[in-house]
């Protein structure tokens, strides 16, 4: 934890090992929310211009992060400044969450913005199937039909 006083954790939340919370701004974690190992929440940021950034001497700014109740963030998830994750959302392992404002949402992969899926597809994806197609239309040649 960075500052330690800008974090509010709801009752029954579980935070696994190696969690990093940069709490430059308020970070809220809802009740009964689960964090896998190595989840990182970054509410702070720095100027992009190196002259303004000036190493460690420049300004630090940020945006609040809000994670709703009953969410599950799997291992190695990174949440960037300004993100709100709605109630009941599931964020798959290794995801980088840049902007999400929905509830009962499942997102997987790098640079996630969000995708609403049925409960069945959510369960299949989180069980780690080696190949699952979520596209529309006919499968491409070579796609698994399992």
N, C-alpha and C. Protein backbone atom coordinates (compact mmCIF):
# COMPACT_ATOMS: atom_id res chain seq x y z
N UNK A 1 0.85 -1.17 0.00
CA UNK A 1 0.00 0.00 0.00
C UNK A 1 0.89 1.24 0.00
N UNK A 2 0.45 2.26 -0.68
CA UNK A 2 1.25 3.46 -0.83
C UNK A 2 1.08 4.37 0.39
N UNK A 3 -0.07 5.00 0.53
CA UNK A 3 -0.32 5.90 1.66
C UNK A 3 -1.00 5.17 2.82
N UNK A 4 -1.94 4.30 2.52
CA UNK A 4 -2.57 3.50 3.56
C UNK A 4 -3.83 4.08 4.16
N UNK A 5 -4.16 5.31 3.85
CA UNK A 5 -5.37 5.90 4.43
C UNK A 5 -6.44 6.22 3.39
N UNK A 6 -6.20 5.93 2.14
CA UNK A 6 -7.19 6.17 1.09
C UNK A 6 -7.83 4.88 0.60
N UNK A 7 -7.86 3.85 1.43
CA UNK A 7 -8.41 2.55 1.04
C UNK A 7 -9.54 2.18 1.98
N UNK A 8 -10.68 1.82 1.40
CA UNK A 8 -11.83 1.35 2.18
C UNK A 8 -12.20 -0.04 1.67
N UNK A 9 -12.22 -1.02 2.59
CA UNK A 9 -12.48 -2.41 2.24
C UNK A 9 -13.76 -2.86 2.91
N UNK A 10 -14.69 -3.40 2.12
CA UNK A 10 -15.97 -3.86 2.64
C UNK A 10 -15.86 -5.15 3.44
N UNK A 11 -16.86 -5.40 4.24
CA UNK A 11 -16.91 -6.57 5.11
C UNK A 11 -16.87 -7.86 4.28
N UNK A 12 -16.05 -8.80 4.73
CA UNK A 12 -15.97 -10.11 4.08
C UNK A 12 -15.16 -10.14 2.81
N UNK A 13 -14.51 -9.04 2.45
CA UNK A 13 -13.65 -9.04 1.27
C UNK A 13 -12.40 -9.88 1.55
N UNK A 14 -11.86 -10.51 0.51
CA UNK A 14 -10.67 -11.34 0.65
C UNK A 14 -9.60 -10.83 -0.30
N UNK A 15 -8.44 -10.51 0.24
CA UNK A 15 -7.32 -10.02 -0.57
C UNK A 15 -6.17 -11.02 -0.43
N UNK A 16 -5.81 -11.66 -1.53
CA UNK A 16 -4.77 -12.68 -1.53
C UNK A 16 -3.39 -12.03 -1.44
N UNK A 17 -2.33 -12.85 -1.46
CA UNK A 17 -0.98 -12.34 -1.25
C UNK A 17 -0.47 -11.50 -2.42
N UNK A 18 0.55 -10.69 -2.13
CA UNK A 18 1.24 -9.83 -3.11
C UNK A 18 0.33 -8.80 -3.77
N UNK A 19 -0.68 -8.35 -3.09
CA UNK A 19 -1.56 -7.30 -3.62
C UNK A 19 -0.85 -5.95 -3.49
N UNK A 20 -0.95 -5.12 -4.53
CA UNK A 20 -0.37 -3.77 -4.51
C UNK A 20 -1.51 -2.78 -4.69
N UNK A 21 -1.61 -1.82 -3.76
CA UNK A 21 -2.62 -0.77 -3.87
C UNK A 21 -1.90 0.58 -3.78
N UNK A 22 -1.86 1.29 -4.90
CA UNK A 22 -1.32 2.65 -4.92
C UNK A 22 -2.51 3.57 -4.67
N UNK A 23 -2.62 4.04 -3.44
CA UNK A 23 -3.82 4.80 -3.03
C UNK A 23 -3.56 6.31 -2.99
N UNK A 24 -3.06 6.83 -4.10
CA UNK A 24 -2.92 8.27 -4.24
C UNK A 24 -4.29 8.93 -4.10
N UNK A 25 -5.31 8.29 -4.64
CA UNK A 25 -6.71 8.71 -4.51
C UNK A 25 -7.48 7.57 -3.83
N UNK A 26 -8.73 7.83 -3.50
CA UNK A 26 -9.56 6.84 -2.83
C UNK A 26 -9.68 5.55 -3.64
N UNK A 27 -9.53 4.42 -2.96
CA UNK A 27 -9.74 3.09 -3.54
C UNK A 27 -10.76 2.38 -2.66
N UNK A 28 -11.90 1.98 -3.24
CA UNK A 28 -12.91 1.25 -2.47
C UNK A 28 -13.04 -0.16 -3.03
N UNK A 29 -13.15 -1.11 -2.12
CA UNK A 29 -13.31 -2.52 -2.46
C UNK A 29 -14.57 -2.99 -1.76
N UNK A 30 -15.55 -3.44 -2.52
CA UNK A 30 -16.85 -3.80 -1.98
C UNK A 30 -16.85 -5.06 -1.13
N UNK A 31 -17.91 -5.20 -0.36
CA UNK A 31 -18.10 -6.37 0.50
C UNK A 31 -18.09 -7.66 -0.32
N UNK A 32 -17.50 -8.68 0.25
CA UNK A 32 -17.47 -10.04 -0.32
C UNK A 32 -16.71 -10.12 -1.65
N UNK A 33 -15.94 -9.13 -1.96
CA UNK A 33 -15.13 -9.14 -3.19
C UNK A 33 -13.87 -9.97 -2.95
N UNK A 34 -13.46 -10.72 -3.96
CA UNK A 34 -12.31 -11.61 -3.86
C UNK A 34 -11.19 -11.14 -4.79
N UNK A 35 -9.98 -11.10 -4.27
CA UNK A 35 -8.79 -10.79 -5.06
C UNK A 35 -7.91 -12.03 -5.11
N UNK A 36 -7.50 -12.42 -6.31
CA UNK A 36 -6.51 -13.47 -6.45
C UNK A 36 -5.13 -12.90 -6.11
N UNK A 37 -4.09 -13.73 -6.21
CA UNK A 37 -2.74 -13.25 -5.91
C UNK A 37 -2.27 -12.22 -6.93
N UNK A 38 -1.46 -11.30 -6.46
CA UNK A 38 -0.77 -10.30 -7.29
C UNK A 38 -1.72 -9.35 -8.02
N UNK A 39 -2.86 -9.03 -7.42
CA UNK A 39 -3.73 -8.00 -7.98
C UNK A 39 -3.11 -6.64 -7.68
N UNK A 40 -3.14 -5.73 -8.66
CA UNK A 40 -2.57 -4.39 -8.50
C UNK A 40 -3.62 -3.34 -8.83
N UNK A 41 -3.80 -2.38 -7.92
CA UNK A 41 -4.72 -1.26 -8.12
C UNK A 41 -3.89 0.01 -8.10
N UNK A 42 -3.87 0.73 -9.23
CA UNK A 42 -3.06 1.93 -9.35
C UNK A 42 -3.95 3.15 -9.51
N UNK A 43 -4.18 3.89 -8.43
CA UNK A 43 -4.98 5.11 -8.56
C UNK A 43 -4.11 6.32 -8.90
N UNK A 44 -2.81 6.19 -8.76
CA UNK A 44 -1.90 7.30 -9.03
C UNK A 44 -1.32 7.26 -10.42
N UNK A 45 -0.91 8.43 -10.89
CA UNK A 45 -0.26 8.55 -12.19
C UNK A 45 0.68 9.75 -12.16
N UNK A 46 1.48 9.88 -13.18
CA UNK A 46 2.46 10.97 -13.27
C UNK A 46 2.34 11.63 -14.64
N UNK A 47 2.83 12.87 -14.77
CA UNK A 47 2.78 13.55 -16.07
C UNK A 47 3.57 12.77 -17.13
N UNK A 48 3.11 12.83 -18.36
CA UNK A 48 3.80 12.15 -19.46
C UNK A 48 5.04 12.92 -19.92
N UNK A 49 5.03 14.23 -19.78
CA UNK A 49 6.15 15.06 -20.19
C UNK A 49 7.29 14.89 -19.18
N UNK A 50 8.47 14.41 -19.63
CA UNK A 50 9.56 14.17 -18.68
C UNK A 50 10.03 15.43 -17.96
N UNK A 51 9.94 16.58 -18.61
CA UNK A 51 10.37 17.82 -17.95
C UNK A 51 9.45 18.16 -16.78
N UNK A 52 8.16 17.92 -16.94
CA UNK A 52 7.21 18.18 -15.86
C UNK A 52 7.32 17.08 -14.80
N UNK A 53 7.48 15.84 -15.26
CA UNK A 53 7.59 14.70 -14.34
C UNK A 53 8.81 14.87 -13.44
N UNK A 54 9.93 15.29 -13.99
CA UNK A 54 11.13 15.65 -13.23
C UNK A 54 11.53 14.58 -12.21
N UNK A 55 11.62 13.34 -12.67
CA UNK A 55 11.99 12.25 -11.76
C UNK A 55 10.97 12.13 -10.63
N UNK A 56 11.45 12.07 -9.41
CA UNK A 56 10.54 11.97 -8.26
C UNK A 56 10.11 13.34 -7.74
N UNK A 57 10.58 14.42 -8.37
CA UNK A 57 10.28 15.77 -7.89
C UNK A 57 8.99 16.34 -8.47
N UNK A 58 8.49 15.77 -9.56
CA UNK A 58 7.30 16.30 -10.22
C UNK A 58 6.02 15.94 -9.49
N UNK A 59 4.90 16.45 -9.99
CA UNK A 59 3.62 16.22 -9.32
C UNK A 59 3.11 14.79 -9.53
N UNK A 60 2.35 14.34 -8.57
CA UNK A 60 1.64 13.07 -8.68
C UNK A 60 0.16 13.39 -8.68
N UNK A 61 -0.57 12.74 -9.55
CA UNK A 61 -2.02 12.94 -9.59
C UNK A 61 -2.67 11.57 -9.70
N UNK A 62 -3.97 11.54 -9.81
CA UNK A 62 -4.63 10.26 -9.94
C UNK A 62 -6.13 10.38 -10.04
N UNK A 63 -6.78 9.23 -10.09
CA UNK A 63 -8.23 9.15 -10.13
C UNK A 63 -8.66 7.99 -9.24
N UNK A 64 -9.83 8.13 -8.64
CA UNK A 64 -10.34 7.10 -7.74
C UNK A 64 -10.60 5.78 -8.46
N UNK A 65 -10.51 4.69 -7.71
CA UNK A 65 -10.87 3.35 -8.18
C UNK A 65 -11.96 2.83 -7.28
N UNK A 66 -13.03 2.31 -7.88
CA UNK A 66 -14.14 1.74 -7.11
C UNK A 66 -14.44 0.34 -7.64
N UNK A 67 -14.41 -0.63 -6.75
CA UNK A 67 -14.73 -2.02 -7.09
C UNK A 67 -15.96 -2.40 -6.28
N UNK A 68 -17.00 -2.84 -6.96
CA UNK A 68 -18.28 -3.12 -6.33
C UNK A 68 -18.27 -4.36 -5.45
N UNK A 69 -19.42 -4.62 -4.86
CA UNK A 69 -19.60 -5.80 -4.02
C UNK A 69 -19.63 -7.07 -4.87
N UNK A 70 -19.23 -8.18 -4.25
CA UNK A 70 -19.34 -9.52 -4.85
C UNK A 70 -18.57 -9.67 -6.16
N UNK A 71 -17.48 -8.94 -6.32
CA UNK A 71 -16.65 -9.07 -7.52
C UNK A 71 -15.57 -10.12 -7.29
N UNK A 72 -14.97 -10.58 -8.38
CA UNK A 72 -13.82 -11.48 -8.30
C UNK A 72 -12.80 -10.99 -9.30
N UNK A 73 -11.64 -10.59 -8.80
CA UNK A 73 -10.50 -10.22 -9.63
C UNK A 73 -9.49 -11.36 -9.49
N UNK A 74 -9.28 -12.12 -10.56
CA UNK A 74 -8.38 -13.27 -10.53
C UNK A 74 -6.93 -12.80 -10.46
N UNK A 75 -6.00 -13.73 -10.44
CA UNK A 75 -4.59 -13.41 -10.27
C UNK A 75 -4.01 -12.51 -11.34
N UNK A 76 -3.07 -11.66 -10.93
CA UNK A 76 -2.33 -10.77 -11.83
C UNK A 76 -3.21 -9.78 -12.58
N UNK A 77 -4.31 -9.38 -12.00
CA UNK A 77 -5.16 -8.34 -12.60
C UNK A 77 -4.57 -6.98 -12.23
N UNK A 78 -4.55 -6.06 -13.19
CA UNK A 78 -4.12 -4.68 -12.95
C UNK A 78 -5.29 -3.76 -13.26
N UNK A 79 -5.60 -2.86 -12.31
CA UNK A 79 -6.68 -1.89 -12.47
C UNK A 79 -6.04 -0.50 -12.49
N UNK A 80 -6.33 0.26 -13.55
CA UNK A 80 -5.72 1.58 -13.74
C UNK A 80 -6.57 2.70 -13.15
N UNK A 81 -6.01 3.91 -13.03
CA UNK A 81 -6.73 5.02 -12.41
C UNK A 81 -8.06 5.32 -13.09
N UNK A 82 -9.06 5.67 -12.28
CA UNK A 82 -10.35 6.10 -12.79
C UNK A 82 -11.33 4.99 -13.09
N UNK A 83 -10.98 3.74 -12.82
CA UNK A 83 -11.84 2.60 -13.15
C UNK A 83 -12.90 2.39 -12.07
N UNK A 84 -14.12 2.11 -12.51
CA UNK A 84 -15.19 1.64 -11.64
C UNK A 84 -15.63 0.28 -12.15
N UNK A 85 -15.55 -0.73 -11.30
CA UNK A 85 -15.98 -2.08 -11.65
C UNK A 85 -17.28 -2.34 -10.92
N UNK A 86 -18.34 -2.65 -11.65
CA UNK A 86 -19.67 -2.80 -11.08
C UNK A 86 -19.85 -4.08 -10.28
N UNK A 87 -20.90 -4.09 -9.50
CA UNK A 87 -21.25 -5.20 -8.61
C UNK A 87 -21.29 -6.53 -9.37
N UNK A 88 -20.65 -7.55 -8.79
CA UNK A 88 -20.72 -8.90 -9.33
C UNK A 88 -19.82 -9.18 -10.52
N UNK A 89 -18.97 -8.25 -10.90
CA UNK A 89 -18.10 -8.43 -12.08
C UNK A 89 -17.03 -9.48 -11.81
N UNK A 90 -16.61 -10.16 -12.86
CA UNK A 90 -15.51 -11.12 -12.81
C UNK A 90 -14.45 -10.64 -13.79
N UNK A 91 -13.22 -10.49 -13.30
CA UNK A 91 -12.11 -10.04 -14.14
C UNK A 91 -11.11 -11.18 -14.22
N UNK A 92 -10.87 -11.70 -15.42
CA UNK A 92 -10.02 -12.86 -15.62
C UNK A 92 -8.55 -12.59 -15.36
N UNK A 93 -7.83 -13.66 -15.07
CA UNK A 93 -6.41 -13.58 -14.74
C UNK A 93 -5.62 -12.87 -15.83
N UNK A 94 -4.71 -12.00 -15.41
CA UNK A 94 -3.83 -11.31 -16.32
C UNK A 94 -4.43 -10.10 -17.02
N UNK A 95 -5.66 -9.75 -16.70
CA UNK A 95 -6.33 -8.63 -17.37
C UNK A 95 -5.78 -7.29 -16.89
N UNK A 96 -5.74 -6.33 -17.81
CA UNK A 96 -5.44 -4.95 -17.50
C UNK A 96 -6.72 -4.18 -17.74
N UNK A 97 -7.32 -3.67 -16.67
CA UNK A 97 -8.63 -3.02 -16.76
C UNK A 97 -8.43 -1.52 -16.90
N UNK A 98 -8.85 -0.99 -18.05
CA UNK A 98 -8.66 0.43 -18.33
C UNK A 98 -9.92 1.25 -18.10
N UNK A 99 -11.09 0.65 -18.33
CA UNK A 99 -12.35 1.35 -18.06
C UNK A 99 -13.50 0.36 -18.10
N UNK A 100 -14.22 0.27 -17.02
CA UNK A 100 -15.37 -0.61 -16.90
C UNK A 100 -16.39 0.10 -16.03
N UNK A 101 -17.63 0.13 -16.46
CA UNK A 101 -18.65 0.77 -15.66
C UNK A 101 -19.94 -0.05 -15.68
N UNK A 102 -19.81 -1.35 -15.62
CA UNK A 102 -20.98 -2.20 -15.73
C UNK A 102 -21.00 -3.19 -14.58
N UNK A 103 -22.18 -3.72 -14.30
CA UNK A 103 -22.29 -4.74 -13.27
C UNK A 103 -22.52 -6.09 -13.93
N UNK A 104 -22.28 -7.15 -13.18
CA UNK A 104 -22.42 -8.52 -13.67
C UNK A 104 -21.71 -8.69 -15.02
N UNK A 105 -20.48 -8.27 -15.06
CA UNK A 105 -19.68 -8.23 -16.27
C UNK A 105 -18.52 -9.21 -16.12
N UNK A 106 -18.15 -9.87 -17.19
CA UNK A 106 -16.97 -10.72 -17.19
C UNK A 106 -16.02 -10.21 -18.26
N UNK A 107 -14.77 -9.97 -17.89
CA UNK A 107 -13.79 -9.57 -18.88
C UNK A 107 -12.53 -10.39 -18.72
N UNK A 108 -11.92 -10.71 -19.84
CA UNK A 108 -10.73 -11.54 -19.87
C UNK A 108 -9.76 -10.96 -20.87
N UNK A 109 -8.48 -11.05 -20.60
CA UNK A 109 -7.47 -10.67 -21.57
C UNK A 109 -6.82 -9.34 -21.26
N UNK A 110 -5.96 -8.92 -22.15
CA UNK A 110 -5.18 -7.72 -21.96
C UNK A 110 -5.95 -6.50 -22.46
N UNK A 111 -5.82 -5.39 -21.76
CA UNK A 111 -6.49 -4.13 -22.08
C UNK A 111 -7.99 -4.31 -22.27
N UNK A 112 -8.63 -4.75 -21.21
CA UNK A 112 -10.06 -5.05 -21.25
C UNK A 112 -10.90 -3.80 -21.10
N UNK A 113 -11.96 -3.72 -21.86
CA UNK A 113 -12.94 -2.66 -21.70
C UNK A 113 -14.29 -3.22 -21.30
N UNK A 114 -14.52 -4.49 -21.48
CA UNK A 114 -15.76 -5.08 -20.98
C UNK A 114 -16.54 -5.82 -22.04
N UNK A 115 -17.16 -6.90 -21.63
CA UNK A 115 -17.96 -7.74 -22.52
C UNK A 115 -19.00 -8.42 -21.66
N UNK A 116 -20.28 -8.27 -21.98
CA UNK A 116 -21.33 -8.96 -21.23
C UNK A 116 -21.48 -10.36 -21.80
N UNK A 117 -21.42 -11.36 -20.94
CA UNK A 117 -21.55 -12.74 -21.36
C UNK A 117 -22.57 -13.43 -20.49
N UNK A 118 -23.10 -14.53 -21.00
CA UNK A 118 -24.02 -15.33 -20.21
C UNK A 118 -23.25 -16.04 -19.10
N UNK A 119 -23.98 -16.47 -18.07
CA UNK A 119 -23.35 -17.16 -16.96
C UNK A 119 -22.59 -18.40 -17.42
N UNK A 120 -23.14 -19.16 -18.37
CA UNK A 120 -22.48 -20.37 -18.86
C UNK A 120 -21.13 -20.04 -19.48
N UNK A 121 -21.08 -19.04 -20.32
CA UNK A 121 -19.82 -18.67 -20.97
C UNK A 121 -18.83 -18.17 -19.93
N UNK A 122 -19.32 -17.41 -18.94
CA UNK A 122 -18.44 -16.94 -17.87
C UNK A 122 -17.79 -18.12 -17.16
N UNK A 123 -18.58 -19.14 -16.84
CA UNK A 123 -18.05 -20.30 -16.12
C UNK A 123 -17.04 -21.06 -16.98
N UNK A 124 -17.35 -21.27 -18.25
CA UNK A 124 -16.44 -21.98 -19.15
C UNK A 124 -15.12 -21.23 -19.25
N UNK A 125 -15.19 -19.93 -19.43
CA UNK A 125 -13.97 -19.13 -19.58
C UNK A 125 -13.12 -19.16 -18.31
N UNK A 126 -13.74 -19.05 -17.16
CA UNK A 126 -12.99 -19.02 -15.91
C UNK A 126 -12.41 -20.38 -15.54
N UNK A 127 -12.95 -21.46 -16.09
CA UNK A 127 -12.42 -22.79 -15.82
C UNK A 127 -11.15 -23.06 -16.62
N UNK A 128 -10.80 -22.15 -17.51
CA UNK A 128 -9.53 -22.25 -18.23
C UNK A 128 -9.53 -23.19 -19.41
N UNK A 129 -10.64 -23.28 -20.13
CA UNK A 129 -10.66 -24.12 -21.32
C UNK A 129 -9.58 -23.66 -22.29
N UNK A 130 -8.95 -24.61 -22.95
CA UNK A 130 -7.82 -24.26 -23.81
C UNK A 130 -8.25 -23.48 -25.05
N UNK A 131 -9.46 -23.71 -25.52
CA UNK A 131 -9.92 -22.97 -26.70
C UNK A 131 -11.42 -22.83 -26.65
N UNK A 132 -11.87 -21.59 -26.58
CA UNK A 132 -13.30 -21.29 -26.58
C UNK A 132 -13.51 -20.15 -27.55
N UNK A 133 -14.45 -20.29 -28.47
CA UNK A 133 -14.73 -19.24 -29.43
C UNK A 133 -15.97 -18.48 -29.00
N UNK A 134 -15.88 -17.15 -28.94
CA UNK A 134 -17.02 -16.32 -28.57
C UNK A 134 -17.48 -15.47 -29.75
N UNK A 135 -16.98 -15.78 -30.95
CA UNK A 135 -17.36 -15.01 -32.12
C UNK A 135 -18.76 -15.34 -32.59
N UNK A 136 -19.21 -14.58 -33.56
CA UNK A 136 -20.53 -14.81 -34.15
C UNK A 136 -20.36 -15.49 -35.49
N UNK A 137 -21.38 -16.21 -35.91
CA UNK A 137 -21.34 -16.86 -37.21
C UNK A 137 -20.67 -18.21 -37.15
N UNK A 138 -20.30 -18.71 -38.32
CA UNK A 138 -19.70 -20.04 -38.42
C UNK A 138 -18.26 -20.01 -37.94
N UNK A 139 -17.81 -21.14 -37.35
CA UNK A 139 -16.40 -21.21 -36.94
C UNK A 139 -15.49 -21.15 -38.15
N UNK A 140 -14.32 -20.58 -37.98
CA UNK A 140 -13.32 -20.54 -39.04
C UNK A 140 -12.72 -21.92 -39.21
N UNK A 141 -12.16 -22.17 -40.39
CA UNK A 141 -11.51 -23.45 -40.63
C UNK A 141 -10.39 -23.63 -39.61
N UNK A 142 -10.34 -24.79 -39.00
CA UNK A 142 -9.32 -25.07 -38.00
C UNK A 142 -9.77 -24.78 -36.58
N UNK A 143 -10.91 -24.12 -36.40
CA UNK A 143 -11.42 -23.86 -35.05
C UNK A 143 -11.86 -25.16 -34.41
N UNK A 144 -11.63 -25.28 -33.13
CA UNK A 144 -12.02 -26.47 -32.38
C UNK A 144 -13.53 -26.56 -32.29
N UNK A 145 -14.07 -27.77 -32.44
CA UNK A 145 -15.51 -27.98 -32.33
C UNK A 145 -15.85 -28.70 -31.03
N UNK A 146 -14.91 -28.76 -30.07
CA UNK A 146 -15.14 -29.47 -28.80
C UNK A 146 -16.31 -28.89 -28.05
